[in-house]
Amino acid sequence: MKSSPAPRRRNPIQSRAEATLAAIREACLRILEQEGPDRLTTNRIAEVAGISIGSLYQYYADKHAIAADICNSLLVADLGELDRYTEQSLFMAKKSLDETLAFFIQEKVARHRKLYRQLKDFYLEIHWRYDFETYMLEHFPQRMTTADFLHIVLRRYREELAPRDFSIAATMVVNAIEGTIHATLDHNPEQILNAAFSEELLALVLGYLKHPPPLSSISPSQPPQ
């Protein structure tokens, strides 16, 4: 079970504090690029950033919290892009279940690709700890969780589906997608860069949603719910 990194310890309220945070993030990226993840420690980050270790700990509990902040910055740098994603999701939801799921999977895989390309091996160390959805819900509470959104979509296309409990089905779909991505990052990370990865993940999800289980797997004493 993944654990979220420690949150930023305090929020900056002045331009000087913002500059300190920027220096910490830039130092982290510079160390990863020039020295590698083995050299990434809070002491080294503070040294490269030109600040004291005490100043660093005023804002971050550890290097994983810094990395999570970098991930968040990379993924929300363009708020217009987030709005586009929301609008496109709603459009697809009205058009086709298959296209909605394809779009959702492509966008989720694209986020992991972006972070893997930017942070390289260090992302492989932290990817289970990083939770973009939790960050989004904290900063944009009006947004639905992915599972809640998919629950609505599945109910809309109920006649196409084998599962009848759409809440459980939505959770299963989200877990299957996230679990497959994270397991791939653990065992064969370059595979998520392959264009076919998203297509195969879509086939996996649609196979679950649209193909009923064999009759022999259903106990006569327990009819399907």
Protein backbone atom coordinates (compact mmCIF):
# COMPACT_ATOMS: atom_id res chain seq x y z
CA MET A 1 0.00 0.00 0.00
CA LYS A 2 1.55 3.30 -1.02
CA SER A 3 2.14 6.03 1.50
CA SER A 4 1.98 9.69 0.54
CA PRO A 5 5.11 11.74 1.07
CA ALA A 6 5.19 14.12 4.00
CA PRO A 7 3.48 17.38 3.05
CA ARG A 8 5.32 20.64 2.70
CA ARG A 9 5.88 21.83 6.27
CA ARG A 10 4.84 25.41 5.75
CA ASN A 11 3.56 27.48 2.88
CA PRO A 12 5.56 30.43 1.62
CA ILE A 13 4.00 33.81 2.33
CA GLN A 14 6.70 36.08 0.91
CA SER A 15 8.62 36.37 -2.32
CA ARG A 16 11.80 35.45 -0.45
CA ALA A 17 10.23 32.20 0.69
CA GLU A 18 9.06 31.48 -2.86
CA ALA A 19 12.61 32.05 -4.08
CA THR A 20 13.90 29.61 -1.46
CA LEU A 21 11.43 26.95 -2.57
CA ALA A 22 12.38 27.48 -6.21
CA ALA A 23 16.08 27.19 -5.32
CA ILE A 24 15.43 23.92 -3.46
CA ARG A 25 13.50 22.41 -6.38
CA GLU A 26 16.07 23.54 -8.93
CA ALA A 27 18.89 22.13 -6.81
CA CYS A 28 17.08 18.80 -6.59
CA LEU A 29 16.70 18.61 -10.37
CA ARG A 30 20.29 19.69 -10.95
CA ILE A 31 21.64 16.98 -8.64
CA LEU A 32 19.51 14.32 -10.31
CA GLU A 33 20.68 15.39 -13.76
CA GLN A 34 24.36 15.95 -13.02
CA GLU A 35 25.15 13.66 -10.09
CA GLY A 36 22.46 10.98 -10.01
CA PRO A 37 19.88 9.88 -7.42
CA ASP A 38 22.45 8.35 -5.08
CA ARG A 39 23.78 11.83 -4.37
CA LEU A 40 20.35 13.27 -3.66
CA THR A 41 20.25 13.98 0.07
CA THR A 42 18.76 16.89 1.95
CA ASN A 43 22.27 18.03 2.92
CA ARG A 44 23.41 18.02 -0.69
CA ILE A 45 20.24 19.77 -1.85
CA ALA A 46 20.73 22.52 0.74
CA GLU A 47 24.38 22.88 -0.30
CA VAL A 48 23.57 23.22 -4.01
CA ALA A 49 20.65 25.56 -3.27
CA GLY A 50 22.94 27.77 -1.19
CA ILE A 51 20.85 27.59 1.97
CA SER A 52 21.22 26.05 5.40
CA ILE A 53 19.81 22.61 6.14
CA GLY A 54 17.63 24.26 8.77
CA SER A 55 16.07 26.51 6.13
CA LEU A 56 15.32 23.48 3.97
CA TYR A 57 13.61 21.68 6.85
CA GLN A 58 11.38 24.69 7.45
CA TYR A 59 9.58 23.73 4.25
CA TYR A 60 10.23 20.04 3.61
CA ALA A 61 10.38 17.00 5.88
CA ASP A 62 12.61 15.00 3.55
CA LYS A 63 13.77 14.61 -0.05
CA HIS A 64 10.61 12.73 -0.99
CA ALA A 65 8.49 15.75 -0.05
CA ILE A 66 10.68 17.89 -2.32
CA ALA A 67 10.28 15.39 -5.14
CA ALA A 68 6.49 15.32 -4.68
CA ASP A 69 6.42 19.11 -4.88
CA ILE A 70 8.43 18.96 -8.12
CA CYS A 71 6.01 16.39 -9.54
CA ASN A 72 3.04 18.58 -8.62
CA SER A 73 4.70 21.62 -10.20
CA LEU A 74 5.38 19.73 -13.43
CA LEU A 75 1.83 18.43 -13.71
CA VAL A 76 -0.05 21.62 -12.81
CA ALA A 77 2.25 24.11 -14.53
CA ASP A 78 -0.49 24.79 -17.06
CA LEU A 79 -3.88 25.15 -15.39
CA GLY A 80 -5.41 25.58 -18.81
CA GLU A 81 -4.26 22.06 -19.62
CA LEU A 82 -6.08 20.77 -16.52
CA ASP A 83 -9.25 22.54 -17.64
CA ARG A 84 -8.83 21.00 -21.10
CA TYR A 85 -8.54 17.57 -19.54
CA THR A 86 -11.74 18.11 -17.53
CA GLU A 87 -13.68 19.40 -20.54
CA GLN A 88 -12.42 16.61 -22.78
CA SER A 89 -13.33 13.99 -20.16
CA LEU A 90 -16.89 15.31 -19.97
CA PHE A 91 -17.15 15.40 -23.77
CA MET A 92 -15.89 11.84 -24.12
CA ALA A 93 -18.22 10.62 -21.37
CA LYS A 94 -21.20 11.69 -23.47
CA LYS A 95 -19.81 10.16 -26.65
CA SER A 96 -18.48 6.67 -25.97
CA LEU A 97 -17.41 4.47 -23.08
CA ASP A 98 -14.46 3.06 -25.04
CA GLU A 99 -13.21 6.51 -26.02
CA THR A 100 -13.67 7.82 -22.48
CA LEU A 101 -11.55 5.02 -21.04
CA ALA A 102 -8.97 5.35 -23.82
CA PHE A 103 -8.63 9.08 -23.14
CA PHE A 104 -8.41 8.57 -19.39
CA ILE A 105 -5.72 5.88 -19.72
CA GLN A 106 -3.70 7.90 -22.23
CA GLU A 107 -3.72 10.97 -19.97
CA LYS A 108 -2.76 8.98 -16.86
CA VAL A 109 0.06 7.15 -18.63
CA ALA A 110 1.26 10.47 -20.11
CA ARG A 111 1.65 11.93 -16.60
CA HIS A 112 3.83 9.04 -15.48
CA ARG A 113 5.87 9.24 -18.68
CA LYS A 114 6.49 12.93 -18.09
CA LEU A 115 7.66 12.39 -14.53
CA TYR A 116 9.80 9.38 -15.45
CA ARG A 117 11.50 11.30 -18.25
CA GLN A 118 12.10 14.30 -15.99
CA LEU A 119 13.21 12.54 -12.79
CA LYS A 120 14.51 9.33 -14.38
CA ASP A 121 15.64 6.67 -11.88
CA PHE A 122 14.59 8.76 -8.90
CA TYR A 123 10.97 8.59 -10.04
CA LEU A 124 11.27 4.81 -9.98
CA GLU A 125 12.17 5.13 -6.30
CA ILE A 126 9.28 7.43 -5.36
CA HIS A 127 6.43 6.62 -7.77
CA TRP A 128 4.51 4.48 -5.24
CA ARG A 129 4.67 7.34 -2.71
CA TYR A 130 3.51 10.05 -5.07
CA ASP A 131 -0.26 10.61 -5.28
CA PHE A 132 -1.33 13.26 -7.78
CA GLU A 133 -5.04 12.77 -7.14
CA THR A 134 -4.68 13.54 -3.43
CA TYR A 135 -2.84 16.73 -4.32
CA MET A 136 -5.56 17.73 -6.80
CA LEU A 137 -8.37 17.11 -4.32
CA GLU A 138 -6.59 19.19 -1.68
CA HIS A 139 -6.06 22.15 -4.02
CA PHE A 140 -9.16 21.79 -6.22
CA PRO A 141 -11.81 20.30 -3.89
CA GLN A 142 -14.57 20.88 -6.45
CA ARG A 143 -13.14 18.09 -8.62
CA MET A 144 -14.43 14.54 -8.32
CA THR A 145 -12.20 11.58 -7.65
CA THR A 146 -11.44 9.44 -10.67
CA ALA A 147 -13.46 6.56 -9.23
CA ASP A 148 -16.51 8.79 -8.65
CA PHE A 149 -16.31 10.13 -12.21
CA LEU A 150 -16.00 6.63 -13.68
CA HIS A 151 -18.92 5.46 -11.54
CA ILE A 152 -21.12 8.02 -13.32
CA VAL A 153 -19.75 7.03 -16.73
CA LEU A 154 -20.33 3.32 -16.12
CA ARG A 155 -23.92 3.94 -15.06
CA ARG A 156 -24.47 5.86 -18.30
CA TYR A 157 -23.31 2.84 -20.33
CA ARG A 158 -24.77 0.16 -18.07
CA GLU A 159 -26.32 -1.77 -20.98
CA GLU A 160 -22.85 -2.45 -22.41
CA LEU A 161 -21.37 -3.78 -19.18
CA ALA A 162 -21.05 -7.12 -17.45
CA PRO A 163 -20.60 -5.82 -13.86
CA ARG A 164 -23.75 -4.60 -12.13
CA ASP A 165 -22.18 -2.90 -9.10
CA PHE A 166 -20.81 0.20 -10.79
CA SER A 167 -19.18 1.61 -7.69
CA ILE A 168 -17.06 -1.51 -7.23
CA ALA A 169 -16.44 -1.71 -10.98
CA ALA A 170 -15.18 1.88 -11.08
CA THR A 171 -12.82 1.17 -8.18
CA MET A 172 -11.60 -2.01 -9.87
CA VAL A 173 -10.88 -0.13 -13.10
CA VAL A 174 -8.94 2.63 -11.34
CA ASN A 175 -6.96 0.10 -9.30
CA ALA A 176 -6.21 -2.04 -12.36
CA ILE A 177 -4.91 0.96 -14.31
CA GLU A 178 -2.84 2.43 -11.48
CA GLY A 179 -1.57 -0.96 -10.31
CA THR A 180 -0.49 -1.94 -13.82
CA ILE A 181 1.33 1.34 -14.36
CA HIS A 182 3.13 1.15 -11.01
CA ALA A 183 4.04 -2.52 -11.44
CA THR A 184 5.43 -1.74 -14.89
CA LEU A 185 7.50 1.11 -13.47
CA ASP A 186 8.88 -1.36 -10.92
CA HIS A 187 9.75 -4.13 -13.36
CA ASN A 188 10.07 -2.73 -16.88
CA PRO A 189 9.76 1.08 -16.82
CA GLU A 190 10.74 1.61 -20.44
CA GLN A 191 7.58 -0.26 -21.41
CA ILE A 192 5.36 2.67 -20.45
CA LEU A 193 7.10 4.71 -23.18
CA ASN A 194 5.80 2.25 -25.76
CA ALA A 195 2.71 3.54 -27.59
CA ALA A 196 1.17 0.06 -27.40
CA PHE A 197 1.19 0.15 -23.58
CA SER A 198 -1.92 2.34 -23.36
CA GLU A 199 -3.70 0.23 -25.98
CA GLU A 200 -3.07 -3.00 -24.10
CA LEU A 201 -4.14 -1.42 -20.83
CA LEU A 202 -7.39 -0.33 -22.48
CA ALA A 203 -7.96 -3.88 -23.76
CA LEU A 204 -7.42 -5.18 -20.22
CA VAL A 205 -10.02 -2.84 -18.74
CA LEU A 206 -12.59 -3.39 -21.49
CA GLY A 207 -12.14 -7.15 -21.16
CA TYR A 208 -13.18 -6.89 -17.51
CA LEU A 209 -16.08 -4.51 -18.13
CA LYS A 210 -17.65 -6.09 -21.19
CA HIS A 211 -17.00 -9.83 -20.92
CA PRO A 212 -19.14 -11.66 -18.34
CA PRO A 213 -17.46 -14.40 -16.29
CA PRO A 214 -17.99 -18.04 -17.36
CA LEU A 215 -21.19 -19.54 -15.97
CA SER A 216 -19.15 -22.25 -14.23
CA SER A 217 -17.56 -19.57 -12.01
CA ILE A 218 -20.91 -18.46 -10.58
CA SER A 219 -22.19 -20.46 -7.63
CA PRO A 220 -25.88 -21.51 -8.06
CA SER A 221 -26.50 -20.51 -4.44
CA GLN A 222 -25.15 -17.01 -5.03
CA PRO A 223 -26.81 -15.35 -8.01
CA PRO A 224 -25.04 -12.29 -9.42
CA GLN A 225 -25.91 -9.00 -7.70
